[in-house]
């Protein structure tokens, strides 16, 4: 099967007047997003086939493009519907959670898209592979890489990410049920190394790296791995209910196959620990002063570029919980090498990537801050609050340069303070993200 952006909805497939035309969507209806940049500097966003205003009108993995990661234009679908092998296996109506990566092969650069085909509540699922010479297409389906069956397998073949680690490639995937797994794939073909024959699905699930107990409905999904500065890996995952309590947590490991642990040393595969505490929450439902309430943010990917790393995720809104859109936020790495997320959305060209200019003086942190504490329960949309930070609160804080600050002792802190654009006040300011004394994440914006 081949297709391109010519598969975009045409006027004869347009929505009824009561439903917005896809050409007006922009960032709306982007769910489970991943972003890449082509050689010309254009960003391409791939996401789940979704339409919050009614039944699907088309399928094949939605595509949007942008020049700044702020404004998005919907341009169509990568494939003309669900590819035959995946459709026959999973009976899926649309494709979920596409992951797109550029791979340099002997024949030149190609783009690989791992997509998921399934239905809600089922383990009869497939992860397929499509290939194109450019993010805009044309995309050609190559078949199923991982397949699971509801009555046979404990794991679930959706939510794939291709991880390129030098000359070795791995596929991390899974959701709910049996947890998250990682398996090695052939860099030349993109299929599992343990496939019984070329072009056939993997014969084993791979290595288990994270799971949750039945007491919380085994609610974990959307894995994404990124290298840690100085070595090792960070796992970014989404917890809990997609439409209400969804939020993002992280854990780290020395080896790509784990074990992945949180700051307290709890392994992400531990079913005996309190499932509400395993993993470090870095993004959750919240409401900033004068802004819409962010509801159930999650299913994140990471875009790494010179000068910055960005978390690309979807979110719903407290005022309109059925609606969802893509949002982008800066990832910052603390002195102790933990990935945290800016509370302010990415502002494109207004952002400052020169870390040499980031705060290096503790005194510059004094003032009034609007903060959120992600250690609080995720069942509600947390309202921000204001705090006054003075010399007493900063006592013992050590500056390491480039915005990194730490404090040892009874009230440990591991923080990054960096320039940001205040989206509500439309002004430059400072933002912070910190692992605080209670071992949970606090984020904030300087407002005075």
Protein backbone atom coordinates (compact mmCIF):
# COMPACT_ATOMS: atom_id res chain seq x y z
CA UNK A 1 0.00 0.00 0.00
CA UNK A 2 1.32 3.42 -0.91
CA UNK A 3 -0.01 6.85 -0.19
CA UNK A 4 1.00 10.47 0.31
CA UNK A 5 -0.49 13.75 1.38
CA UNK A 6 -2.77 13.47 -1.63
CA UNK A 7 -4.81 11.25 0.69
CA UNK A 8 -5.90 14.33 2.64
CA UNK A 9 -9.67 14.75 2.93
CA UNK A 10 -11.06 16.35 -0.22
CA UNK A 11 -14.10 18.55 -0.57
CA UNK A 12 -16.31 15.59 -1.46
CA UNK A 13 -15.38 14.00 1.89
CA UNK A 14 -15.87 17.20 3.88
CA UNK A 15 -17.66 17.17 7.19
CA UNK A 16 -21.27 18.11 7.71
CA UNK A 17 -21.68 21.84 8.47
CA UNK A 18 -21.94 21.14 12.20
CA UNK A 19 -18.46 19.60 12.30
CA UNK A 20 -15.36 21.75 11.78
CA UNK A 21 -13.51 21.07 8.56
CA UNK A 22 -10.10 19.44 9.17
CA UNK A 23 -8.39 22.33 7.42
CA UNK A 24 -9.36 24.46 10.43
CA UNK A 25 -8.07 22.05 13.08
CA UNK A 26 -4.57 23.38 13.54
CA UNK A 27 -3.31 21.78 16.78
CA UNK A 28 -6.75 20.39 17.65
CA UNK A 29 -7.46 16.65 17.42
CA UNK A 30 -3.76 15.78 17.61
CA UNK A 31 -3.54 12.81 20.00
CA UNK A 32 -0.46 10.72 20.91
CA UNK A 33 1.80 13.04 18.87
CA UNK A 34 5.39 12.77 17.68
CA UNK A 35 7.32 15.49 15.83
CA UNK A 36 10.28 15.42 13.46
CA UNK A 37 12.09 18.04 11.40
CA UNK A 38 13.07 17.54 7.77
CA UNK A 39 16.27 18.75 6.11
CA UNK A 40 14.58 22.03 5.14
CA UNK A 41 13.67 22.90 8.72
CA UNK A 42 9.96 22.09 8.44
CA UNK A 43 8.39 20.22 11.35
CA UNK A 44 6.05 17.30 10.73
CA UNK A 45 3.69 16.05 13.40
CA UNK A 46 2.24 12.53 13.26
CA UNK A 47 -0.65 11.53 15.53
CA UNK A 48 -3.49 9.11 16.19
CA UNK A 49 -6.53 9.10 13.95
CA UNK A 50 -8.95 11.06 16.13
CA UNK A 51 -11.83 13.50 15.81
CA UNK A 52 -13.30 14.87 19.04
CA UNK A 53 -16.38 16.10 17.18
CA UNK A 54 -17.63 12.71 16.00
CA UNK A 55 -16.80 9.45 14.20
CA UNK A 56 -13.61 9.16 12.16
CA UNK A 57 -13.91 10.66 8.69
CA UNK A 58 -10.61 9.24 7.45
CA UNK A 59 -7.71 7.15 8.75
CA UNK A 60 -4.04 6.48 8.12
CA UNK A 61 -2.11 8.47 10.79
CA UNK A 62 -2.75 12.21 10.82
CA UNK A 63 -0.03 14.61 9.65
CA UNK A 64 0.45 18.30 10.45
CA UNK A 65 3.28 20.65 9.61
CA UNK A 66 4.76 23.75 11.20
CA UNK A 67 7.71 26.08 10.95
CA UNK A 68 7.85 26.95 14.66
CA UNK A 69 6.22 24.11 16.68
CA UNK A 70 3.59 26.62 17.77
CA UNK A 71 1.16 26.94 14.86
CA UNK A 72 0.14 23.73 13.05
CA UNK A 73 -1.48 23.05 9.70
CA UNK A 74 -3.38 19.80 9.16
CA UNK A 75 -2.33 18.33 5.80
CA UNK A 76 -3.81 14.83 5.66
CA UNK A 77 -2.89 11.25 6.46
CA UNK A 78 0.26 9.25 5.81
CA UNK A 79 -1.57 6.15 4.60
CA UNK A 80 -4.86 5.62 2.84
CA UNK A 81 -6.57 3.93 5.77
CA UNK A 82 -5.41 1.03 7.96
CA UNK A 83 -2.98 -1.19 6.02
CA UNK A 84 -4.40 -4.60 5.09
CA UNK A 85 -2.30 -6.88 7.32
CA UNK A 86 -2.86 -4.72 10.42
CA UNK A 87 -6.56 -4.30 9.62
CA UNK A 88 -7.04 -8.04 9.13
CA UNK A 89 -5.29 -8.82 12.41
CA UNK A 90 -6.77 -6.16 14.69
CA UNK A 91 -9.96 -5.05 12.90
CA UNK A 92 -8.87 -1.47 13.66
CA UNK A 93 -10.77 1.52 12.30
CA UNK A 94 -7.78 3.86 12.53
CA UNK A 95 -4.11 4.01 13.41
CA UNK A 96 -2.76 5.01 16.81
CA UNK A 97 0.40 6.61 18.16
CA UNK A 98 2.71 6.71 15.13
CA UNK A 99 6.43 7.10 15.83
CA UNK A 100 8.60 8.46 13.01
CA UNK A 101 12.40 8.32 12.82
CA UNK A 102 14.93 9.18 10.10
CA UNK A 103 17.31 6.29 9.36
CA UNK A 104 20.43 6.50 7.20
CA UNK A 105 20.73 3.33 5.11
CA UNK A 106 23.14 2.21 2.41
CA UNK A 107 20.61 3.41 -0.14
CA UNK A 108 20.26 6.80 1.54
CA UNK A 109 18.04 8.37 4.17
CA UNK A 110 14.60 6.89 4.73
CA UNK A 111 11.88 7.67 7.25
CA UNK A 112 10.36 4.83 9.24
CA UNK A 113 6.95 5.04 10.87
CA UNK A 114 5.88 2.51 13.48
CA UNK A 115 2.10 2.69 13.85
CA UNK A 116 -0.38 0.81 16.06
CA UNK A 117 -3.63 -0.89 15.08
CA UNK A 118 -6.01 -1.98 17.84
CA UNK A 119 -9.26 -1.16 19.62
CA UNK A 120 -9.97 0.03 23.17
CA UNK A 121 -9.70 -2.65 25.83
CA UNK A 122 -8.26 -5.31 23.52
CA UNK A 123 -4.85 -6.98 23.31
CA UNK A 124 -5.52 -8.07 19.74
CA UNK A 125 -3.16 -5.47 18.37
CA UNK A 126 -0.40 -4.91 15.83
CA UNK A 127 2.56 -2.61 15.44
CA UNK A 128 3.27 -2.05 11.76
CA UNK A 129 6.09 -0.44 9.81
CA UNK A 130 5.75 2.00 6.93
CA UNK A 131 8.63 3.66 5.05
CA UNK A 132 8.91 6.90 3.06
CA UNK A 133 11.66 9.01 1.45
CA UNK A 134 10.35 12.13 3.27
CA UNK A 135 7.92 12.82 6.13
CA UNK A 136 5.40 14.08 3.58
CA UNK A 137 5.47 10.66 1.86
CA UNK A 138 4.70 8.70 -0.13
CA UNK A 139 4.47 6.08 2.63
CA UNK A 140 4.64 2.38 1.81
CA UNK A 141 3.49 -0.25 4.30
CA UNK A 142 6.01 -3.03 5.04
CA UNK A 143 3.86 -5.16 7.33
CA UNK A 144 3.53 -6.17 11.00
CA UNK A 145 6.53 -5.98 13.36
CA UNK A 146 4.86 -7.03 16.64
CA UNK A 147 1.48 -8.72 17.02
CA UNK A 148 -0.52 -9.77 20.08
CA UNK A 149 -3.81 -11.59 20.62
CA UNK A 150 -6.19 -10.87 23.46
CA UNK A 151 -6.81 -14.52 24.44
CA UNK A 152 -3.18 -15.60 24.13
CA UNK A 153 -0.77 -12.83 25.09
CA UNK A 154 -0.38 -10.84 28.28
CA UNK A 155 1.23 -7.82 26.66
CA UNK A 156 -0.23 -5.38 24.14
CA UNK A 157 1.38 -4.43 20.82
CA UNK A 158 0.73 -0.69 20.68
CA UNK A 159 2.54 2.60 21.41
CA UNK A 160 5.89 1.84 19.78
CA UNK A 161 9.02 3.98 19.78
CA UNK A 162 12.17 3.18 17.80
CA UNK A 163 15.28 3.87 19.87
CA UNK A 164 18.53 4.27 17.93
CA UNK A 165 21.53 3.50 20.14
CA UNK A 166 24.56 3.72 17.88
CA UNK A 167 24.46 0.73 15.55
CA UNK A 168 21.78 -1.03 17.62
CA UNK A 169 18.07 -0.37 17.29
CA UNK A 170 15.40 -1.19 19.87
CA UNK A 171 11.63 -0.98 19.88
CA UNK A 172 9.99 -0.02 23.19
CA UNK A 173 6.23 -0.52 23.30
CA UNK A 174 3.16 -1.57 25.25
CA UNK A 175 0.23 -0.32 27.27
CA UNK A 176 -1.80 -1.48 30.26
CA UNK A 177 -2.22 -5.29 30.56
CA UNK A 178 1.27 -6.86 30.76
CA UNK A 179 3.21 -3.60 30.85
CA UNK A 180 5.95 -2.10 28.71
CA UNK A 181 8.58 -4.12 26.84
CA UNK A 182 11.67 -3.53 24.74
CA UNK A 183 13.08 -5.72 21.98
CA UNK A 184 15.94 -5.36 19.53
CA UNK A 185 15.26 -4.79 15.85
CA UNK A 186 17.39 -5.19 12.74
CA UNK A 187 18.67 -1.75 11.66
CA UNK A 188 18.57 -2.84 8.02
CA UNK A 189 14.94 -3.97 7.95
CA UNK A 190 13.29 -2.43 10.99
CA UNK A 191 11.85 -5.81 12.01
CA UNK A 192 12.58 -7.76 15.21
CA UNK A 193 15.86 -9.66 15.37
CA UNK A 194 14.00 -12.67 16.74
CA UNK A 195 11.40 -12.73 13.97
CA UNK A 196 11.04 -16.31 12.67
CA UNK A 197 11.50 -15.07 9.10
CA UNK A 198 12.25 -11.73 7.42
CA UNK A 199 9.21 -9.48 7.44
CA UNK A 200 7.33 -11.51 10.06
CA UNK A 201 6.30 -10.40 13.57
CA UNK A 202 8.56 -10.81 16.60
CA UNK A 203 8.48 -14.23 18.25
CA UNK A 204 8.81 -12.91 21.82
CA UNK A 205 7.68 -9.79 23.72
CA UNK A 206 11.24 -8.76 24.62
CA UNK A 207 12.29 -7.49 28.07
CA UNK A 208 9.76 -6.15 30.55
CA UNK A 209 10.77 -2.65 31.74
CA UNK A 210 7.65 -1.26 33.47
CA UNK A 211 4.22 -2.35 34.67
CA UNK A 212 1.54 -1.46 37.22
CA UNK A 213 -0.74 -3.64 39.37
CA UNK A 214 -4.39 -4.45 38.80
CA UNK A 215 -5.34 -2.23 41.75
CA UNK A 216 -4.80 0.74 39.41
CA UNK A 217 -6.07 -1.08 36.29
CA UNK A 218 -2.45 -1.69 35.17
CA UNK A 219 -2.63 1.87 33.84
CA UNK A 220 0.68 2.64 32.16
CA UNK A 221 1.33 3.38 28.48
CA UNK A 222 3.08 5.48 25.87
CA UNK A 223 6.75 4.69 26.66
CA UNK A 224 9.50 6.93 25.30
CA UNK A 225 13.23 6.50 25.98
CA UNK A 226 15.87 9.24 25.77
CA UNK A 227 19.60 9.15 26.61
CA UNK A 228 20.63 10.80 29.88
CA UNK A 229 23.47 13.34 29.87
CA UNK A 230 26.57 11.48 30.97
CA UNK A 231 25.18 8.04 30.11
CA UNK A 232 22.21 5.85 30.80
CA UNK A 233 18.57 6.27 29.84
CA UNK A 234 15.39 7.99 30.97
CA UNK A 235 11.96 6.43 30.53
CA UNK A 236 9.02 8.77 29.99
CA UNK A 237 5.57 7.19 30.47
CA UNK A 238 1.93 8.10 30.99
CA UNK A 239 -0.11 6.90 33.97
CA UNK A 240 -3.81 6.52 34.76
CA UNK A 241 -7.02 7.43 32.91
CA UNK A 242 -6.70 8.88 29.44
CA UNK A 243 -9.58 11.33 29.90
CA UNK A 244 -9.20 12.50 33.48
CA UNK A 245 -6.15 11.60 35.59
CA UNK A 246 -3.58 11.05 32.83
CA UNK A 247 -0.14 12.41 33.68
CA UNK A 248 3.56 11.94 32.84
CA UNK A 249 6.20 10.22 34.98
CA UNK A 250 9.87 9.42 34.50
CA UNK A 251 12.42 6.88 35.71
CA UNK A 252 16.07 6.21 34.84
CA UNK A 253 18.37 3.26 34.16
CA UNK A 254 22.02 2.58 33.42
CA UNK A 255 21.17 0.08 30.66
CA UNK A 256 18.55 0.48 27.97
CA UNK A 257 16.81 -2.71 29.10
CA UNK A 258 16.62 -1.51 32.72
CA UNK A 259 16.00 -1.78 35.55
CA UNK A 260 14.32 1.65 35.49
CA UNK A 261 14.06 3.28 38.91
CA UNK A 262 12.60 6.44 40.40
CA UNK A 263 14.51 8.82 42.72
CA UNK A 264 13.63 6.61 45.72
CA UNK A 265 15.11 3.56 43.99
CA UNK A 266 11.75 1.88 43.33
CA UNK A 267 11.79 -0.22 40.16
CA UNK A 268 9.14 0.46 37.55
CA UNK A 269 8.31 -3.26 37.49
CA UNK A 270 7.60 -3.38 41.25
CA UNK A 271 4.03 -4.53 41.89
CA UNK A 272 4.35 -4.45 45.68
CA UNK A 273 5.23 -0.77 46.10
CA UNK A 274 2.47 1.84 46.31
CA UNK A 275 1.50 2.31 42.63
CA UNK A 276 0.69 5.96 43.31
CA UNK A 277 4.30 6.63 44.28
CA UNK A 278 6.41 4.68 41.78
CA UNK A 279 7.93 7.01 39.18
CA UNK A 280 8.55 10.76 39.32
CA UNK A 281 5.62 12.94 38.15
CA UNK A 282 6.83 15.71 35.82
CA UNK A 283 3.57 16.90 34.18
CA UNK A 284 -0.04 16.69 35.41
CA UNK A 285 -3.39 18.47 35.26
CA UNK A 286 -3.16 22.10 36.34
CA UNK A 287 -4.46 25.63 35.89
CA UNK A 288 -2.24 28.70 35.77
CA UNK A 289 -3.56 32.17 36.56
CA UNK A 290 -5.58 33.48 33.62
CA UNK A 291 -5.14 30.33 31.53
CA UNK A 292 -7.27 27.37 30.52
CA UNK A 293 -7.10 24.38 32.83
CA UNK A 294 -4.81 21.71 31.43
CA UNK A 295 -6.50 18.32 31.87
CA UNK A 296 -4.90 14.88 31.51
CA UNK A 297 -1.70 15.79 29.65
CA UNK A 298 0.32 12.87 28.38
CA UNK A 299 1.40 10.33 25.77
CA UNK A 300 4.59 12.25 25.16
CA UNK A 301 7.42 11.98 22.68
CA UNK A 302 10.68 13.93 22.63
CA UNK A 303 12.12 16.11 19.89
CA UNK A 304 15.87 16.65 20.29
CA UNK A 305 17.48 19.55 18.43
CA UNK A 306 20.64 21.63 18.89
CA UNK A 307 20.14 23.75 22.00
CA UNK A 308 17.00 22.12 23.34
CA UNK A 309 14.89 19.04 23.92
CA UNK A 310 11.12 19.31 23.74
CA UNK A 311 8.31 17.22 25.18
CA UNK A 312 5.58 16.84 22.54
CA UNK A 313 2.31 15.67 24.08
CA UNK A 314 -1.43 16.00 23.89
CA UNK A 315 -3.70 17.53 26.48
CA UNK A 316 -7.37 18.00 27.18
CA UNK A 317 -8.88 21.04 28.89
CA UNK A 318 -10.79 21.36 32.14
CA UNK A 319 -13.41 23.58 30.49
CA UNK A 320 -13.82 21.32 27.41
CA UNK A 321 -12.70 17.82 28.45
CA UNK A 322 -13.69 16.12 25.19
CA UNK A 323 -11.36 18.37 23.17
CA UNK A 324 -7.65 17.71 22.83
CA UNK A 325 -4.65 19.24 21.08
CA UNK A 326 -0.89 18.98 20.79
CA UNK A 327 1.30 21.07 23.09
CA UNK A 328 5.09 21.40 23.31
CA UNK A 329 7.21 22.11 26.41
CA UNK A 330 10.92 22.37 27.09
CA UNK A 331 12.69 19.49 28.84
CA UNK A 332 15.49 20.50 31.20
CA UNK A 333 18.04 18.20 32.83
CA UNK A 334 18.95 18.84 36.44
CA UNK A 335 22.47 18.75 37.86
CA UNK A 336 21.71 15.22 39.07
CA UNK A 337 20.55 14.26 35.55
CA UNK A 338 16.78 14.04 35.96
CA UNK A 339 14.53 15.23 33.10
CA UNK A 340 11.95 17.82 34.17
CA UNK A 341 9.39 19.74 32.11
CA UNK A 342 8.67 23.46 31.81
CA UNK A 343 5.23 24.55 32.96
CA UNK A 344 5.19 27.14 30.18
CA UNK A 345 4.39 26.03 26.62
CA UNK A 346 7.09 26.37 23.99
CA UNK A 347 7.17 29.82 22.39
CA UNK A 348 9.32 29.16 19.32
CA UNK A 349 11.69 31.97 18.43
CA UNK A 350 11.10 33.72 21.76
CA UNK A 351 12.96 30.96 23.61
CA UNK A 352 16.58 31.31 24.79
CA UNK A 353 18.70 28.23 24.04
CA UNK A 354 22.03 29.69 25.18
CA UNK A 355 22.50 27.94 28.51
CA UNK A 356 25.59 30.02 29.23
CA UNK A 357 23.19 32.93 29.89
CA UNK A 358 20.92 30.98 32.22
CA UNK A 359 20.97 32.07 35.90
CA UNK A 360 24.14 31.37 37.85
CA UNK A 361 23.46 33.56 40.89
CA UNK A 362 21.21 32.35 43.70
CA UNK A 363 20.08 35.92 44.40
CA UNK A 364 18.29 36.17 41.05
CA UNK A 365 15.79 33.60 42.31
CA UNK A 366 14.43 35.93 44.97
CA UNK A 367 10.96 37.28 44.27
CA UNK A 368 7.39 36.10 43.76
CA UNK A 369 6.70 32.83 41.93
CA UNK A 370 3.56 31.17 40.66
CA UNK A 371 4.08 27.48 41.38
CA UNK A 372 2.57 24.00 41.05
CA UNK A 373 3.41 20.97 43.15
CA UNK A 374 3.15 17.70 41.19
CA UNK A 375 3.38 15.75 44.42
CA UNK A 376 -0.31 16.51 45.00
CA UNK A 377 -3.00 14.07 43.80
CA UNK A 378 -3.68 13.97 40.06
CA UNK A 379 -7.44 13.47 40.44
CA UNK A 380 -8.10 17.21 40.21
CA UNK A 381 -6.94 20.11 38.06
CA UNK A 382 -4.55 21.76 40.48
CA UNK A 383 -4.71 25.54 40.73
CA UNK A 384 -1.36 27.30 40.92
CA UNK A 385 -0.45 29.34 43.98
CA UNK A 386 1.92 32.18 44.68
CA UNK A 387 4.91 32.02 47.00
CA UNK A 388 7.48 34.61 48.03
CA UNK A 389 11.05 33.33 47.79
CA UNK A 390 13.60 35.13 49.90
CA UNK A 391 17.07 34.63 51.28
CA UNK A 392 15.83 32.24 53.96
CA UNK A 393 14.27 29.87 51.40
CA UNK A 394 17.45 29.97 49.31
CA UNK A 395 19.83 29.27 52.19
CA UNK A 396 22.28 26.49 51.37
CA UNK A 397 21.50 26.53 47.67
CA UNK A 398 24.59 25.94 45.51
CA UNK A 399 24.84 27.33 41.96
CA UNK A 400 26.48 25.09 39.38
CA UNK A 401 26.07 27.45 36.42
CA UNK A 402 23.79 27.15 33.40
CA UNK A 403 20.71 27.43 35.58
CA UNK A 404 21.49 24.40 37.77
CA UNK A 405 21.11 24.65 41.54
CA UNK A 406 21.27 22.02 44.27
CA UNK A 407 21.00 21.82 48.03
CA UNK A 408 22.02 18.89 50.18
CA UNK A 409 20.95 18.02 53.70
CA UNK A 410 17.54 17.75 55.29
CA UNK A 411 15.81 19.83 52.58
CA UNK A 412 17.46 18.67 49.34
CA UNK A 413 16.81 20.51 46.08
CA UNK A 414 17.81 19.66 42.50
CA UNK A 415 16.59 22.51 40.30
CA UNK A 416 16.90 24.16 36.90
CA UNK A 417 16.02 27.84 36.42
CA UNK A 418 15.83 29.05 32.84
CA UNK A 419 14.46 31.85 30.64
CA UNK A 420 10.90 31.31 29.39
CA UNK A 421 8.04 33.12 27.75
CA UNK A 422 5.04 33.66 30.03
CA UNK A 423 2.14 32.69 27.77
CA UNK A 424 -0.49 34.40 29.92
CA UNK A 425 1.31 37.70 30.59
CA UNK A 426 3.00 37.65 27.17
CA UNK A 427 6.37 38.62 28.56
CA UNK A 428 9.81 37.09 29.07
CA UNK A 429 10.49 35.75 32.54
CA UNK A 430 12.18 32.94 34.43
CA UNK A 431 10.76 29.46 34.84
CA UNK A 432 11.89 26.72 37.18
CA UNK A 433 11.55 22.96 37.55
CA UNK A 434 12.86 21.29 40.68
CA UNK A 435 12.90 18.10 42.64
CA UNK A 436 12.03 19.47 46.03
CA UNK A 437 12.53 18.44 49.67
CA UNK A 438 9.66 15.94 49.56
CA UNK A 439 11.14 14.19 46.54
CA UNK A 440 8.41 15.48 44.22
CA UNK A 441 8.54 18.00 41.39
CA UNK A 442 7.69 21.68 41.76
CA UNK A 443 7.45 23.90 38.70
CA UNK A 444 6.96 27.62 38.51
CA UNK A 445 7.05 30.96 36.76
CA UNK A 446 8.57 34.10 38.23
CA UNK A 447 5.90 36.80 38.36
CA UNK A 448 7.50 39.48 40.49
